[in-house]
Structures are given as structure tokens and as C-alpha cells.
Amino acid sequence: MTGVFERALGADFAFLHPRMRERLALAGGRGMIGHGVMDRIWRGPGFTLPFLWLGSTRHILFPDCGRNVPFTIENYPYVDRHGRETVSFVRTFEFPRRRRRFDAQMVFSPGRGLVDYLGTHQHLAVDLAVSARPDGGFRIRTGEFRLQEGPVRAGLPRALTGSARVEEWFDEESGQFRIEVAVVNPRFGPVFGYEGAFGARFVDVGGGVSGAVKPLREKVMD
């Protein structure tokens, strides 16, 4: 079975570093768990706090900052209740006084390409543009955001949502994956981000994926 990243990248998948291809070939019951440390987690000025606090109630961003924060990422492939091949992107950050999560589920849409469903209730979906880096890593840029909450279903203007950038690559010297994430609003500037490294181990999820990494609701906005 072809994974969602391989479908999204097409021929460019072959240009990825071998360890990166292994990391992203998540399909057919083969998942990945990564453990590492985020060197830095940051947020924007104080006026971003209400937005980040609201996001944290549904595992989308959070207001906490810190350095050397233990980090886990869980990538499990599964088929959701709509019959879509899905890969979980559940990131857990262990701050000294609390645990924070940033949840997303990625699907491949024939019409839109890679689509990220955010949070515990999938009320936000965003189109993703993924490409290979010259060093064999990959980058992701967000496109259109869409909201579905109750009877409300609408596209969201970029001035309201901003955009996210993800850069990930394999560091030969450390033998770990490096990651940098930044969310920026075109009017207000930097909102949230983190950077660090993690190691990976691959697991068999043929017996099923725990509901702990699945959203409470699954929607279709692709």
C-alpha cells in the first residue's frame, strides 16, 4: 500500500534521504514512534495568548513556552470511518507542570492532495503543499483553511489563520530527525513554533490503532 506522503510527493519521494523515506512510508500497518527533545518552544506576543489557549482545548497549539522539553510523536496509519487512508500526527510535549498535545490526522485527497485535519474534533482542515528539500528532507506549507462547526462551514481568510511552515530532515551526525515548525500571521507576525530533534522506532499496528490517538469526531472537508 502506498502511504499518503508518497502519494503526495509522487516522483519526488525518491529524492528524500533513505531514512526520511523510511520515516514517511507509513502504510499497511507500519507506524512510527519518535522520542526526543524540543530545544525551544516559543509563542508570539501576549495578544496571541487567547487564541493559543482556545486552541489548547482541542489539542491545536498551546500557550506554553520552554527549552529542552521532552517530546513524543506518534504516526500510525489506519483507515478512518469514512474509508480514508489516514496517518496520525499526535505530538506530546512534557512541560514540567503539564502535558500538552498537538493532534492532526493527514489524509490524501485526489482533488486537494494532502489534507491535515486538526484537533480532537476535526473542525479545522487545511490543505498542505509538501516538497522535497535539497538535503533529502521535506518541507510543508499550509494553504487554505476550512472550518466546519455545527451548521457553519466556510473557508477562512489567511489574515485570520496565518500560515504554517514545517521543515524536517535527517541529521547524519546525530542520527536523529531534526524538525522546525513556525506559525506566522501575515498581519501580526510570529504566533507559535518549536524546534528540536527526535529518534524513531517503527512499530507494527496491524492489530489496530488505539483510540487515544484518534479524534473524537471524523469529518470530511476534502
N, C-alpha and C. Protein backbone atom coordinates (compact mmCIF):
# COMPACT_ATOMS: atom_id res chain seq x y z
N MET A 1 0.85 -1.20 0.00
CA MET A 1 0.00 0.00 0.00
C MET A 1 0.88 1.24 0.00
N THR A 2 0.52 2.23 -0.81
CA THR A 2 1.27 3.48 -0.89
C THR A 2 0.79 4.44 0.18
N GLY A 3 1.74 4.99 0.96
CA GLY A 3 1.39 5.91 2.02
C GLY A 3 0.97 7.27 1.50
N VAL A 4 0.35 8.06 2.38
CA VAL A 4 -0.18 9.36 1.95
C VAL A 4 0.93 10.31 1.53
N PHE A 5 2.10 10.24 2.17
CA PHE A 5 3.20 11.13 1.79
C PHE A 5 3.78 10.75 0.43
N GLU A 6 3.89 9.46 0.19
CA GLU A 6 4.42 9.03 -1.10
C GLU A 6 3.47 9.44 -2.23
N ARG A 7 2.18 9.36 -1.99
CA ARG A 7 1.20 9.78 -2.99
C ARG A 7 1.28 11.29 -3.21
N ALA A 8 1.46 12.04 -2.12
CA ALA A 8 1.51 13.50 -2.25
C ALA A 8 2.78 13.96 -2.96
N LEU A 9 3.91 13.32 -2.68
CA LEU A 9 5.19 13.73 -3.27
C LEU A 9 5.40 13.19 -4.68
N GLY A 10 4.76 12.08 -4.99
CA GLY A 10 4.93 11.49 -6.32
C GLY A 10 6.38 11.11 -6.56
N ALA A 11 6.90 11.48 -7.72
CA ALA A 11 8.27 11.11 -8.10
C ALA A 11 9.31 11.72 -7.16
N ASP A 12 8.98 12.84 -6.51
CA ASP A 12 9.93 13.49 -5.61
C ASP A 12 10.22 12.66 -4.36
N PHE A 13 9.37 11.68 -4.08
CA PHE A 13 9.61 10.83 -2.92
C PHE A 13 10.97 10.15 -3.02
N ALA A 14 11.40 9.83 -4.24
CA ALA A 14 12.68 9.16 -4.45
C ALA A 14 13.86 10.05 -4.11
N PHE A 15 13.66 11.38 -4.05
CA PHE A 15 14.76 12.29 -3.74
C PHE A 15 14.99 12.46 -2.24
N LEU A 16 14.13 11.90 -1.42
CA LEU A 16 14.29 12.01 0.03
C LEU A 16 15.46 11.16 0.51
N HIS A 17 16.04 11.56 1.62
CA HIS A 17 17.07 10.76 2.27
C HIS A 17 16.49 9.38 2.59
N PRO A 18 17.27 8.30 2.50
CA PRO A 18 16.74 6.95 2.79
C PRO A 18 16.04 6.85 4.14
N ARG A 19 16.60 7.50 5.16
CA ARG A 19 15.94 7.44 6.47
C ARG A 19 14.64 8.22 6.47
N MET A 20 14.58 9.27 5.67
CA MET A 20 13.34 10.03 5.58
C MET A 20 12.28 9.25 4.81
N ARG A 21 12.70 8.53 3.77
CA ARG A 21 11.74 7.68 3.06
C ARG A 21 11.19 6.62 4.01
N GLU A 22 12.07 6.04 4.81
CA GLU A 22 11.61 5.05 5.80
C GLU A 22 10.64 5.67 6.78
N ARG A 23 10.94 6.89 7.20
CA ARG A 23 10.09 7.58 8.18
C ARG A 23 8.69 7.87 7.64
N LEU A 24 8.60 8.19 6.35
CA LEU A 24 7.32 8.61 5.78
C LEU A 24 6.56 7.49 5.08
N ALA A 25 7.17 6.32 4.93
CA ALA A 25 6.47 5.20 4.29
C ALA A 25 5.58 4.50 5.31
N LEU A 26 4.59 5.23 5.78
CA LEU A 26 3.72 4.74 6.84
C LEU A 26 2.42 4.24 6.23
N ALA A 27 2.34 2.94 6.06
CA ALA A 27 1.16 2.34 5.44
C ALA A 27 1.18 0.85 5.75
N GLY A 28 0.05 0.21 5.51
CA GLY A 28 -0.02 -1.24 5.66
C GLY A 28 0.29 -1.74 7.06
N GLY A 29 -0.09 -0.99 8.08
CA GLY A 29 0.10 -1.46 9.45
C GLY A 29 1.47 -1.15 10.05
N ARG A 30 2.28 -0.33 9.37
CA ARG A 30 3.60 0.03 9.89
C ARG A 30 3.58 1.48 10.35
N GLY A 31 3.77 1.67 11.66
CA GLY A 31 3.75 3.00 12.22
C GLY A 31 5.11 3.39 12.79
N MET A 32 5.19 4.59 13.33
CA MET A 32 6.43 5.10 13.88
C MET A 32 6.16 5.86 15.17
N ILE A 33 7.03 5.67 16.15
CA ILE A 33 7.00 6.45 17.38
C ILE A 33 8.35 7.14 17.51
N GLY A 34 8.33 8.44 17.70
CA GLY A 34 9.56 9.20 17.86
C GLY A 34 9.65 9.79 19.25
N HIS A 35 10.84 9.72 19.85
CA HIS A 35 11.09 10.32 21.16
C HIS A 35 12.29 11.26 21.03
N GLY A 36 12.17 12.43 21.61
CA GLY A 36 13.27 13.37 21.55
C GLY A 36 13.06 14.55 22.46
N VAL A 37 13.69 15.65 22.12
CA VAL A 37 13.63 16.87 22.93
C VAL A 37 13.47 18.06 21.98
N MET A 38 12.54 18.94 22.33
CA MET A 38 12.43 20.19 21.61
C MET A 38 13.35 21.21 22.29
N ASP A 39 14.33 21.68 21.54
CA ASP A 39 15.29 22.63 22.10
C ASP A 39 14.60 23.92 22.54
N ARG A 40 13.60 24.32 21.77
CA ARG A 40 12.91 25.57 22.08
C ARG A 40 11.47 25.51 21.60
N ILE A 41 10.55 25.93 22.45
CA ILE A 41 9.14 26.10 22.09
C ILE A 41 8.78 27.55 22.42
N TRP A 42 8.25 28.26 21.46
CA TRP A 42 8.02 29.68 21.63
C TRP A 42 6.63 30.07 21.18
N ARG A 43 6.22 31.25 21.59
CA ARG A 43 4.95 31.83 21.12
C ARG A 43 5.15 33.30 20.84
N GLY A 44 4.16 33.91 20.20
CA GLY A 44 4.22 35.32 19.86
C GLY A 44 3.90 36.21 21.05
N PRO A 45 3.67 37.51 20.81
CA PRO A 45 3.37 38.46 21.89
C PRO A 45 2.11 38.09 22.67
N GLY A 46 1.88 38.81 23.75
CA GLY A 46 0.79 38.49 24.67
C GLY A 46 -0.58 38.41 24.03
N PHE A 47 -0.81 39.20 22.97
CA PHE A 47 -2.15 39.18 22.38
C PHE A 47 -2.47 37.86 21.67
N THR A 48 -1.46 37.00 21.48
CA THR A 48 -1.72 35.69 20.89
C THR A 48 -2.24 34.69 21.91
N LEU A 49 -2.13 35.01 23.21
CA LEU A 49 -2.49 34.06 24.25
C LEU A 49 -3.93 33.55 24.17
N PRO A 50 -4.95 34.42 24.01
CA PRO A 50 -6.32 33.88 23.94
C PRO A 50 -6.50 32.87 22.82
N PHE A 51 -5.92 33.15 21.65
CA PHE A 51 -6.00 32.23 20.52
C PHE A 51 -5.34 30.90 20.85
N LEU A 52 -4.16 30.95 21.48
CA LEU A 52 -3.44 29.71 21.81
C LEU A 52 -4.13 28.93 22.92
N TRP A 53 -4.66 29.63 23.92
CA TRP A 53 -5.41 28.95 24.97
C TRP A 53 -6.64 28.24 24.38
N LEU A 54 -7.35 28.92 23.49
CA LEU A 54 -8.52 28.31 22.86
C LEU A 54 -8.11 27.07 22.07
N GLY A 55 -7.02 27.17 21.32
CA GLY A 55 -6.56 26.03 20.56
C GLY A 55 -6.20 24.84 21.44
N SER A 56 -5.65 25.11 22.63
CA SER A 56 -5.22 24.02 23.51
C SER A 56 -6.39 23.18 24.01
N THR A 57 -7.62 23.73 24.02
CA THR A 57 -8.77 22.96 24.49
C THR A 57 -9.13 21.82 23.54
N ARG A 58 -8.63 21.93 22.30
CA ARG A 58 -8.89 20.86 21.32
C ARG A 58 -7.59 20.33 20.71
N HIS A 59 -6.52 20.46 21.45
CA HIS A 59 -5.21 19.93 21.02
C HIS A 59 -4.74 20.53 19.71
N ILE A 60 -4.90 21.86 19.60
CA ILE A 60 -4.36 22.59 18.45
C ILE A 60 -3.54 23.75 19.00
N LEU A 61 -2.24 23.66 18.94
CA LEU A 61 -1.36 24.67 19.51
C LEU A 61 -1.58 24.77 21.02
N PHE A 62 -0.79 25.64 21.68
CA PHE A 62 -0.90 25.85 23.12
C PHE A 62 -0.04 27.05 23.48
N PRO A 63 -0.25 27.65 24.67
CA PRO A 63 0.46 28.89 25.01
C PRO A 63 1.79 28.69 25.73
N ASP A 64 2.15 27.46 26.10
CA ASP A 64 3.34 27.22 26.90
C ASP A 64 4.62 27.42 26.09
N CYS A 65 5.64 27.92 26.77
CA CYS A 65 6.96 28.06 26.18
C CYS A 65 7.96 27.28 27.01
N GLY A 66 9.12 26.97 26.43
CA GLY A 66 10.13 26.29 27.22
C GLY A 66 11.32 25.87 26.38
N ARG A 67 12.31 25.37 27.06
CA ARG A 67 13.51 24.83 26.42
C ARG A 67 13.76 23.42 26.93
N ASN A 68 14.33 22.60 26.05
CA ASN A 68 14.66 21.21 26.40
C ASN A 68 13.44 20.46 26.92
N VAL A 69 12.36 20.52 26.14
CA VAL A 69 11.08 19.90 26.51
C VAL A 69 11.00 18.51 25.90
N PRO A 70 10.83 17.45 26.72
CA PRO A 70 10.67 16.09 26.17
C PRO A 70 9.48 16.02 25.22
N PHE A 71 9.66 15.24 24.16
CA PHE A 71 8.72 15.27 23.04
C PHE A 71 8.50 13.86 22.53
N THR A 72 7.26 13.55 22.17
CA THR A 72 6.91 12.28 21.53
C THR A 72 6.02 12.56 20.34
N ILE A 73 6.28 11.86 19.24
CA ILE A 73 5.39 11.95 18.08
C ILE A 73 4.95 10.53 17.72
N GLU A 74 3.65 10.37 17.48
CA GLU A 74 3.07 9.07 17.13
C GLU A 74 2.43 9.16 15.75
N ASN A 75 2.99 8.41 14.83
CA ASN A 75 2.47 8.34 13.46
C ASN A 75 1.96 6.94 13.19
N TYR A 76 0.65 6.79 13.13
CA TYR A 76 0.04 5.48 12.90
C TYR A 76 -0.87 5.54 11.68
N PRO A 77 -0.71 4.62 10.74
CA PRO A 77 -1.64 4.57 9.61
C PRO A 77 -2.88 3.75 9.98
N TYR A 78 -4.02 4.21 9.52
CA TYR A 78 -5.25 3.46 9.73
C TYR A 78 -6.30 3.97 8.73
N VAL A 79 -7.38 3.26 8.62
CA VAL A 79 -8.49 3.67 7.76
C VAL A 79 -9.58 4.25 8.65
N ASP A 80 -9.98 5.49 8.40
CA ASP A 80 -10.99 6.12 9.26
C ASP A 80 -12.39 5.64 8.88
N ARG A 81 -13.37 6.14 9.58
CA ARG A 81 -14.73 5.62 9.38
C ARG A 81 -15.32 6.05 8.04
N HIS A 82 -14.66 6.96 7.34
CA HIS A 82 -15.10 7.36 6.00
C HIS A 82 -14.35 6.59 4.91
N GLY A 83 -13.53 5.62 5.34
CA GLY A 83 -12.81 4.79 4.38
C GLY A 83 -11.55 5.41 3.84
N ARG A 84 -11.04 6.47 4.48
CA ARG A 84 -9.86 7.16 4.00
C ARG A 84 -8.60 6.62 4.69
N GLU A 85 -7.56 6.38 3.90
CA GLU A 85 -6.26 6.05 4.48
C GLU A 85 -5.75 7.29 5.21
N THR A 86 -5.45 7.11 6.49
CA THR A 86 -5.14 8.23 7.38
C THR A 86 -3.84 7.94 8.13
N VAL A 87 -3.08 8.99 8.42
CA VAL A 87 -1.90 8.86 9.27
C VAL A 87 -2.02 9.85 10.42
N SER A 88 -1.91 9.35 11.65
CA SER A 88 -1.98 10.22 12.81
C SER A 88 -0.67 10.99 12.98
N PHE A 89 -0.79 12.25 13.37
CA PHE A 89 0.35 13.06 13.76
C PHE A 89 0.04 13.62 15.15
N VAL A 90 0.27 12.79 16.16
CA VAL A 90 -0.02 13.18 17.55
C VAL A 90 1.29 13.52 18.23
N ARG A 91 1.45 14.79 18.59
CA ARG A 91 2.69 15.27 19.21
C ARG A 91 2.40 15.61 20.68
N THR A 92 3.20 15.07 21.57
CA THR A 92 3.04 15.30 23.01
C THR A 92 4.28 16.00 23.55
N PHE A 93 4.05 17.08 24.30
CA PHE A 93 5.12 17.88 24.87
C PHE A 93 5.01 17.81 26.39
N GLU A 94 6.06 17.37 27.05
CA GLU A 94 6.03 17.17 28.51
C GLU A 94 6.67 18.37 29.21
N PHE A 95 5.84 19.38 29.48
CA PHE A 95 6.31 20.52 30.25
C PHE A 95 6.38 20.13 31.73
N PRO A 96 7.13 20.87 32.55
CA PRO A 96 7.30 20.48 33.96
C PRO A 96 5.99 20.33 34.73
N ARG A 97 4.99 21.15 34.42
CA ARG A 97 3.76 21.13 35.21
C ARG A 97 2.55 20.60 34.44
N ARG A 98 2.71 20.36 33.17
CA ARG A 98 1.55 19.87 32.41
C ARG A 98 2.02 19.21 31.11
N ARG A 99 1.13 18.42 30.57
CA ARG A 99 1.36 17.79 29.28
C ARG A 99 0.49 18.48 28.24
N ARG A 100 1.10 18.79 27.10
CA ARG A 100 0.36 19.40 26.01
C ARG A 100 0.40 18.49 24.79
N ARG A 101 -0.70 18.51 24.02
CA ARG A 101 -0.75 17.73 22.78
C ARG A 101 -1.12 18.64 21.61
N PHE A 102 -0.61 18.24 20.47
CA PHE A 102 -0.93 18.91 19.20
C PHE A 102 -1.27 17.79 18.24
N ASP A 103 -2.57 17.62 17.95
CA ASP A 103 -3.07 16.47 17.18
C ASP A 103 -3.44 16.87 15.76
N ALA A 104 -3.16 15.97 14.84
CA ALA A 104 -3.61 16.14 13.46
C ALA A 104 -3.69 14.76 12.82
N GLN A 105 -4.54 14.65 11.82
CA GLN A 105 -4.68 13.42 11.05
C GLN A 105 -4.57 13.80 9.58
N MET A 106 -3.65 13.17 8.86
CA MET A 106 -3.43 13.50 7.46
C MET A 106 -4.09 12.47 6.55
N VAL A 107 -4.75 12.98 5.52
CA VAL A 107 -5.34 12.12 4.50
C VAL A 107 -4.91 12.64 3.14
N PHE A 108 -4.96 11.77 2.14
CA PHE A 108 -4.68 12.20 0.78
C PHE A 108 -5.99 12.30 0.02
N SER A 109 -6.27 13.48 -0.51
CA SER A 109 -7.47 13.72 -1.30
C SER A 109 -7.11 13.80 -2.77
N PRO A 110 -7.75 13.01 -3.65
CA PRO A 110 -7.46 13.11 -5.07
C PRO A 110 -7.66 14.52 -5.62
N GLY A 111 -8.58 15.27 -5.02
CA GLY A 111 -8.85 16.61 -5.51
C GLY A 111 -7.95 17.68 -4.92
N ARG A 112 -7.52 17.50 -3.68
CA ARG A 112 -6.78 18.54 -2.98
C ARG A 112 -5.34 18.16 -2.66
N GLY A 113 -5.00 16.90 -2.75
CA GLY A 113 -3.69 16.45 -2.31
C GLY A 113 -3.70 16.15 -0.83
N LEU A 114 -2.63 16.47 -0.12
CA LEU A 114 -2.53 16.17 1.30
C LEU A 114 -3.37 17.17 2.10
N VAL A 115 -4.23 16.64 2.97
CA VAL A 115 -5.10 17.47 3.80
C VAL A 115 -4.88 17.10 5.26
N ASP A 116 -4.72 18.12 6.10
CA ASP A 116 -4.49 17.94 7.53
C ASP A 116 -5.78 18.29 8.27
N TYR A 117 -6.31 17.34 9.05
CA TYR A 117 -7.45 17.60 9.91
C TYR A 117 -6.92 17.81 11.32
N LEU A 118 -7.24 18.97 11.91
CA LEU A 118 -6.61 19.40 13.14
C LEU A 118 -7.49 19.17 14.36
N GLY A 119 -6.85 18.75 15.46
CA GLY A 119 -7.51 18.72 16.75
C GLY A 119 -8.36 17.51 17.04
N THR A 120 -9.00 17.57 18.19
CA THR A 120 -9.78 16.43 18.69
C THR A 120 -11.10 16.24 17.96
N HIS A 121 -11.61 17.31 17.34
CA HIS A 121 -12.93 17.25 16.71
C HIS A 121 -12.89 17.49 15.21
N GLN A 122 -11.71 17.65 14.65
CA GLN A 122 -11.55 17.85 13.20
C GLN A 122 -12.44 18.97 12.67
N HIS A 123 -12.57 20.06 13.47
CA HIS A 123 -13.38 21.17 12.98
C HIS A 123 -12.60 22.09 12.06
N LEU A 124 -11.28 21.87 11.96
CA LEU A 124 -10.44 22.62 11.04
C LEU A 124 -9.73 21.66 10.10
N ALA A 125 -9.71 22.01 8.82
CA ALA A 125 -8.94 21.25 7.83
C ALA A 125 -8.11 22.24 7.03
N VAL A 126 -6.90 21.82 6.65
CA VAL A 126 -6.03 22.71 5.90
C VAL A 126 -5.33 21.92 4.81
N ASP A 127 -5.25 22.51 3.62
CA ASP A 127 -4.51 21.90 2.52
C ASP A 127 -3.01 22.07 2.77
N LEU A 128 -2.24 21.05 2.41
CA LEU A 128 -0.80 21.07 2.63
C LEU A 128 -0.06 20.92 1.30
N ALA A 129 0.95 21.75 1.10
CA ALA A 129 1.87 21.60 -0.03
C ALA A 129 3.16 21.01 0.52
N VAL A 130 3.50 19.80 0.09
CA VAL A 130 4.69 19.11 0.59
C VAL A 130 5.69 18.97 -0.55
N SER A 131 6.98 19.17 -0.23
CA SER A 131 8.01 19.09 -1.25
C SER A 131 9.30 18.56 -0.62
N ALA A 132 10.18 18.03 -1.47
CA ALA A 132 11.48 17.53 -1.02
C ALA A 132 12.48 18.68 -0.94
N ARG A 133 13.35 18.64 0.08
CA ARG A 133 14.42 19.61 0.22
C ARG A 133 15.68 19.11 -0.49
N PRO A 134 16.59 20.00 -0.84
CA PRO A 134 17.84 19.56 -1.49
C PRO A 134 18.66 18.58 -0.65
N ASP A 135 18.53 18.66 0.69
CA ASP A 135 19.30 17.77 1.57
C ASP A 135 18.60 16.45 1.85
N GLY A 136 17.47 16.19 1.16
CA GLY A 136 16.75 14.94 1.35
C GLY A 136 15.69 14.99 2.42
N GLY A 137 15.52 16.14 3.04
CA GLY A 137 14.42 16.32 3.97
C GLY A 137 13.15 16.71 3.23
N PHE A 138 12.15 17.14 3.98
CA PHE A 138 10.93 17.61 3.33
C PHE A 138 10.45 18.87 4.02
N ARG A 139 9.63 19.63 3.29
CA ARG A 139 9.02 20.84 3.84
C ARG A 139 7.53 20.82 3.55
N ILE A 140 6.78 21.42 4.45
CA ILE A 140 5.34 21.54 4.30
C ILE A 140 4.96 23.00 4.45
N ARG A 141 4.08 23.48 3.57
CA ARG A 141 3.49 24.81 3.68
C ARG A 141 1.97 24.65 3.69
N THR A 142 1.31 25.37 4.56
CA THR A 142 -0.15 25.29 4.62
C THR A 142 -0.79 26.19 3.56
N GLY A 143 -1.95 25.75 3.09
CA GLY A 143 -2.74 26.51 2.14
C GLY A 143 -4.04 26.96 2.76
N GLU A 144 -5.15 26.65 2.10
CA GLU A 144 -6.46 27.11 2.56
C GLU A 144 -6.90 26.37 3.83
N PHE A 145 -7.40 27.13 4.80
CA PHE A 145 -8.03 26.57 5.99
C PHE A 145 -9.54 26.57 5.80
N ARG A 146 -10.19 25.50 6.28
CA ARG A 146 -11.64 25.41 6.22
C ARG A 146 -12.18 25.04 7.60
N LEU A 147 -13.31 25.63 7.95
CA LEU A 147 -13.94 25.43 9.25
C LEU A 147 -15.27 24.72 9.07
N GLN A 148 -15.53 23.72 9.92
CA GLN A 148 -16.85 23.10 9.99
C GLN A 148 -17.18 22.87 11.46
N GLU A 149 -18.11 23.65 11.97
CA GLU A 149 -18.51 23.55 13.37
C GLU A 149 -20.02 23.73 13.44
N GLY A 150 -20.74 22.64 13.76
CA GLY A 150 -22.19 22.72 13.74
C GLY A 150 -22.67 23.03 12.34
N PRO A 151 -23.58 24.00 12.19
CA PRO A 151 -24.09 24.33 10.85
C PRO A 151 -23.13 25.20 10.03
N VAL A 152 -22.06 25.68 10.66
CA VAL A 152 -21.14 26.60 10.00
C VAL A 152 -20.10 25.81 9.21
N ARG A 153 -19.97 26.15 7.94
CA ARG A 153 -18.96 25.54 7.09
C ARG A 153 -18.45 26.61 6.14
N ALA A 154 -17.18 26.97 6.27
CA ALA A 154 -16.68 28.10 5.49
C ALA A 154 -15.17 28.04 5.38
N GLY A 155 -14.65 28.64 4.31
CA GLY A 155 -13.22 28.86 4.20
C GLY A 155 -12.82 30.03 5.08
N LEU A 156 -11.61 29.99 5.60
CA LEU A 156 -11.13 31.05 6.48
C LEU A 156 -10.08 31.89 5.78
N PRO A 157 -10.16 33.20 5.89
CA PRO A 157 -9.17 34.07 5.22
C PRO A 157 -7.79 33.92 5.87
N ARG A 158 -6.74 34.04 5.06
CA ARG A 158 -5.38 33.90 5.57
C ARG A 158 -5.05 34.95 6.62
N ALA A 159 -5.69 36.12 6.52
CA ALA A 159 -5.45 37.17 7.51
C ALA A 159 -5.87 36.73 8.91
N LEU A 160 -6.82 35.81 8.97
CA LEU A 160 -7.29 35.30 10.26
C LEU A 160 -6.46 34.10 10.73
N THR A 161 -6.10 33.22 9.82
CA THR A 161 -5.43 31.98 10.21
C THR A 161 -3.91 32.06 10.15
N GLY A 162 -3.38 32.82 9.22
CA GLY A 162 -1.94 32.80 9.00
C GLY A 162 -1.52 31.56 8.23
N SER A 163 -0.25 31.20 8.36
CA SER A 163 0.26 30.04 7.64
C SER A 163 1.30 29.34 8.51
N ALA A 164 1.50 28.07 8.25
CA ALA A 164 2.47 27.27 8.99
C ALA A 164 3.54 26.74 8.04
N ARG A 165 4.75 26.64 8.55
CA ARG A 165 5.88 26.09 7.81
C ARG A 165 6.50 24.98 8.65
N VAL A 166 6.69 23.82 8.04
CA VAL A 166 7.34 22.69 8.70
C VAL A 166 8.56 22.29 7.87
N GLU A 167 9.70 22.17 8.53
CA GLU A 167 10.93 21.69 7.89
C GLU A 167 11.42 20.50 8.69
N GLU A 168 11.66 19.38 8.00
CA GLU A 168 12.18 18.20 8.69
C GLU A 168 13.24 17.54 7.83
N TRP A 169 14.32 17.09 8.48
CA TRP A 169 15.40 16.45 7.76
C TRP A 169 16.14 15.50 8.68
N PHE A 170 16.94 14.61 8.09
CA PHE A 170 17.72 13.66 8.88
C PHE A 170 19.13 14.18 9.05
N ASP A 171 19.58 14.27 10.30
CA ASP A 171 20.91 14.76 10.63
C ASP A 171 21.86 13.57 10.77
N GLU A 172 22.74 13.42 9.81
CA GLU A 172 23.66 12.28 9.79
C GLU A 172 24.55 12.25 11.04
N GLU A 173 24.99 13.41 11.49
CA GLU A 173 25.93 13.46 12.60
C GLU A 173 25.32 12.93 13.90
N SER A 174 24.09 13.34 14.19
CA SER A 174 23.44 12.91 15.43
C SER A 174 22.64 11.62 15.27
N GLY A 175 22.33 11.25 14.02
CA GLY A 175 21.49 10.08 13.79
C GLY A 175 20.05 10.29 14.19
N GLN A 176 19.60 11.56 14.18
CA GLN A 176 18.24 11.89 14.56
C GLN A 176 17.57 12.73 13.48
N PHE A 177 16.26 12.81 13.58
CA PHE A 177 15.48 13.68 12.71
C PHE A 177 15.40 15.07 13.36
N ARG A 178 15.66 16.10 12.59
CA ARG A 178 15.53 17.47 13.06
C ARG A 178 14.23 18.05 12.51
N ILE A 179 13.59 18.89 13.34
CA ILE A 179 12.33 19.49 12.91
C ILE A 179 12.26 20.94 13.36
N GLU A 180 11.70 21.78 12.50
CA GLU A 180 11.43 23.18 12.82
C GLU A 180 10.01 23.49 12.34
N VAL A 181 9.21 24.08 13.22
CA VAL A 181 7.83 24.44 12.91
C VAL A 181 7.61 25.90 13.29
N ALA A 182 6.97 26.66 12.42
CA ALA A 182 6.64 28.05 12.72
C ALA A 182 5.27 28.39 12.15
N VAL A 183 4.44 29.04 12.97
CA VAL A 183 3.14 29.54 12.54
C VAL A 183 3.22 31.06 12.55
N VAL A 184 2.88 31.69 11.43
CA VAL A 184 3.03 33.13 11.28
C VAL A 184 1.74 33.72 10.72
N ASN A 185 1.31 34.82 11.30
CA ASN A 185 0.16 35.56 10.78
C ASN A 185 0.67 36.72 9.94
N PRO A 186 0.11 36.95 8.75
CA PRO A 186 0.64 37.99 7.86
C PRO A 186 0.52 39.40 8.44
N ARG A 187 -0.39 39.61 9.37
CA ARG A 187 -0.56 40.94 9.96
C ARG A 187 0.17 41.07 11.29
N PHE A 188 0.07 40.02 12.14
CA PHE A 188 0.57 40.12 13.50
C PHE A 188 1.94 39.48 13.71
N GLY A 189 2.43 38.76 12.70
CA GLY A 189 3.76 38.19 12.80
C GLY A 189 3.78 36.80 13.42
N PRO A 190 4.92 36.38 14.00
CA PRO A 190 5.06 35.03 14.55
C PRO A 190 4.04 34.75 15.66
N VAL A 191 3.44 33.55 15.62
CA VAL A 191 2.42 33.15 16.58
C VAL A 191 2.90 32.02 17.49
N PHE A 192 3.54 31.01 16.89
CA PHE A 192 3.87 29.80 17.65
C PHE A 192 4.90 29.00 16.87
N GLY A 193 5.74 28.26 17.59
CA GLY A 193 6.66 27.38 16.90
C GLY A 193 7.51 26.56 17.84
N TYR A 194 8.23 25.61 17.27
CA TYR A 194 9.15 24.79 18.06
C TYR A 194 10.22 24.21 17.15
N GLU A 195 11.33 23.79 17.75
CA GLU A 195 12.43 23.18 17.00
C GLU A 195 13.18 22.23 17.92
N GLY A 196 13.63 21.12 17.35
CA GLY A 196 14.35 20.13 18.14
C GLY A 196 14.66 18.90 17.32
N ALA A 197 14.83 17.77 18.00
CA ALA A 197 15.24 16.54 17.33
C ALA A 197 14.61 15.34 18.01
N PHE A 198 14.49 14.25 17.25
CA PHE A 198 13.95 13.02 17.82
C PHE A 198 14.51 11.81 17.08
N GLY A 199 14.57 10.69 17.79
CA GLY A 199 14.88 9.42 17.18
C GLY A 199 13.59 8.67 16.88
N ALA A 200 13.67 7.65 16.05
CA ALA A 200 12.46 6.96 15.61
C ALA A 200 12.60 5.44 15.76
N ARG A 201 11.50 4.81 16.14
CA ARG A 201 11.41 3.35 16.07
C ARG A 201 10.10 3.01 15.37
N PHE A 202 10.12 1.91 14.66
CA PHE A 202 8.97 1.54 13.85
C PHE A 202 8.22 0.39 14.51
N VAL A 203 6.90 0.46 14.45
CA VAL A 203 6.06 -0.48 15.18
C VAL A 203 5.02 -1.08 14.24
N ASP A 204 4.57 -2.26 14.60
CA ASP A 204 3.52 -2.96 13.86
C ASP A 204 2.18 -2.59 14.47
N VAL A 205 1.30 -1.98 13.69
CA VAL A 205 -0.03 -1.62 14.19
C VAL A 205 -1.09 -2.44 13.47
N GLY A 206 -0.70 -3.62 13.04
CA GLY A 206 -1.64 -4.48 12.34
C GLY A 206 -2.82 -4.87 13.19
N GLY A 207 -2.64 -4.85 14.52
CA GLY A 207 -3.73 -5.21 15.42
C GLY A 207 -4.71 -4.08 15.67
N GLY A 208 -4.46 -2.92 15.09
CA GLY A 208 -5.37 -1.78 15.28
C GLY A 208 -4.68 -0.64 15.99
N VAL A 209 -5.22 0.54 15.81
CA VAL A 209 -4.66 1.77 16.39
C VAL A 209 -5.51 2.18 17.57
N SER A 210 -4.86 2.53 18.67
CA SER A 210 -5.55 2.94 19.88
C SER A 210 -6.40 4.18 19.64
N GLY A 211 -7.56 4.19 20.27
CA GLY A 211 -8.43 5.36 20.17
C GLY A 211 -7.83 6.59 20.81
N ALA A 212 -6.77 6.43 21.62
CA ALA A 212 -6.14 7.57 22.28
C ALA A 212 -5.49 8.53 21.30
N VAL A 213 -5.15 8.06 20.11
CA VAL A 213 -4.53 8.95 19.12
C VAL A 213 -5.50 9.30 17.98
N LYS A 214 -6.74 8.87 18.10
CA LYS A 214 -7.73 9.20 17.09
C LYS A 214 -8.59 10.37 17.56
N PRO A 215 -9.13 11.15 16.62
CA PRO A 215 -10.00 12.26 17.02
C PRO A 215 -11.33 11.75 17.57
N LEU A 216 -12.00 12.60 18.32
CA LEU A 216 -13.31 12.26 18.85
C LEU A 216 -14.37 12.26 17.76
N ARG A 217 -14.17 13.09 16.72
CA ARG A 217 -15.06 13.13 15.58
C ARG A 217 -14.21 13.08 14.31
N GLU A 218 -14.76 12.51 13.27
CA GLU A 218 -14.08 12.45 11.97
C GLU A 218 -14.99 13.10 10.93
N LYS A 219 -14.44 14.10 10.23
CA LYS A 219 -15.23 14.84 9.26
C LYS A 219 -14.62 14.74 7.88
N VAL A 220 -15.40 15.12 6.89
CA VAL A 220 -14.91 15.15 5.51
C VAL A 220 -15.03 16.59 5.00
N MET A 221 -13.87 17.21 4.75
CA MET A 221 -13.83 18.55 4.15
C MET A 221 -12.81 18.57 3.01
N ASP A 222 -12.64 17.40 2.38
CA ASP A 222 -11.67 17.32 1.28
C ASP A 222 -12.36 16.88 -0.01
